[in-house]
Protein backbone atom coordinates (compact mmCIF):
# COMPACT_ATOMS: atom_id res chain seq x y z
CA MET A 1 -17.23 18.10 25.11
CA GLU A 2 -14.18 20.30 25.31
CA SER A 3 -13.34 19.06 28.79
CA LEU A 4 -13.85 15.44 27.77
CA LEU A 5 -11.48 15.73 24.81
CA GLN A 6 -8.92 17.43 27.00
CA TRP A 7 -9.03 14.66 29.59
CA ILE A 8 -8.88 11.94 26.93
CA ALA A 9 -5.80 13.62 25.48
CA ARG A 10 -4.12 13.90 28.87
CA ILE A 11 -4.83 10.31 29.84
CA ALA A 12 -3.82 8.93 26.44
CA GLY A 13 -0.60 10.92 26.47
CA LEU A 14 0.29 9.78 29.96
CA ALA A 15 -0.59 6.16 29.19
CA GLY A 16 1.49 6.26 26.02
CA ALA A 17 4.48 7.67 27.84
CA LEU A 18 4.21 5.07 30.61
CA VAL A 19 3.91 2.17 28.16
CA PHE A 20 6.89 3.56 26.26
CA VAL A 21 9.05 3.67 29.39
CA VAL A 22 8.06 0.13 30.37
CA ALA A 23 8.72 -1.23 26.87
CA VAL A 24 12.11 0.47 26.56
CA ALA A 25 13.14 -0.66 30.05
CA ALA A 26 12.13 -4.24 29.28
CA ARG A 27 13.94 -4.21 25.96
CA ALA A 28 17.06 -2.65 27.48
CA GLY A 29 16.96 -5.35 30.13
CA GLY A 30 17.11 -8.03 27.46
CA LEU A 31 13.46 -9.06 27.56
CA TYR A 32 11.75 -9.61 24.25
CA TYR A 33 8.41 -10.45 25.86
CA LEU A 34 6.66 -8.75 28.72
CA GLY A 35 3.51 -10.41 29.99
CA GLY A 36 3.21 -12.49 26.82
CA VAL A 37 3.39 -9.42 24.59
CA GLN A 38 6.41 -8.46 22.50
CA ALA A 39 8.25 -5.30 23.51
CA GLY A 40 7.94 -4.00 19.92
CA THR A 41 4.17 -4.33 20.13
CA LEU A 42 4.19 -2.26 23.30
CA LEU A 43 6.23 0.40 21.51
CA ASN A 44 3.62 0.47 18.73
CA LEU A 45 0.87 0.77 21.34
CA SER A 46 2.63 3.70 22.96
CA ALA A 47 2.96 5.46 19.61
CA ALA A 48 -0.73 4.89 18.89
CA THR A 49 -1.88 6.25 22.23
CA MET A 50 0.34 9.31 21.93
CA ALA A 51 -1.03 9.87 18.41
CA LEU A 52 -4.54 9.68 19.88
CA ALA A 53 -3.56 12.32 22.42
CA GLY A 54 -2.24 14.56 19.68
CA LEU A 55 -5.38 14.15 17.60
CA CYS A 56 -7.57 15.01 20.59
CA TYR A 57 -5.57 18.17 21.21
CA LEU A 58 -5.79 19.01 17.52
CA ALA A 59 -9.57 18.61 17.63
CA LEU A 60 -9.64 20.95 20.60
CA LEU A 61 -7.64 23.56 18.74
CA VAL A 62 -9.66 23.35 15.55
CA GLU A 63 -13.18 23.08 16.89
CA PHE A 64 -13.30 24.90 20.20
CA ARG A 65 -10.84 27.75 19.82
CA ARG A 66 -12.84 29.45 17.05
CA ARG A 67 -15.23 30.99 19.57
């Protein structure tokens, strides 16, 4: 379980960072839509995935570091 949470956190953090870079690059390039999705929505998605990564790491710290 510990390994699974760690990998979920890593993947979610990386995905959030990548979506953030794509959304900012699109918005800086003057695009409001990217693939039919608004750039602001992609920024919200990146924040949500990075929050998921943080919560997974928090769960790791709280539950599995007590041993």
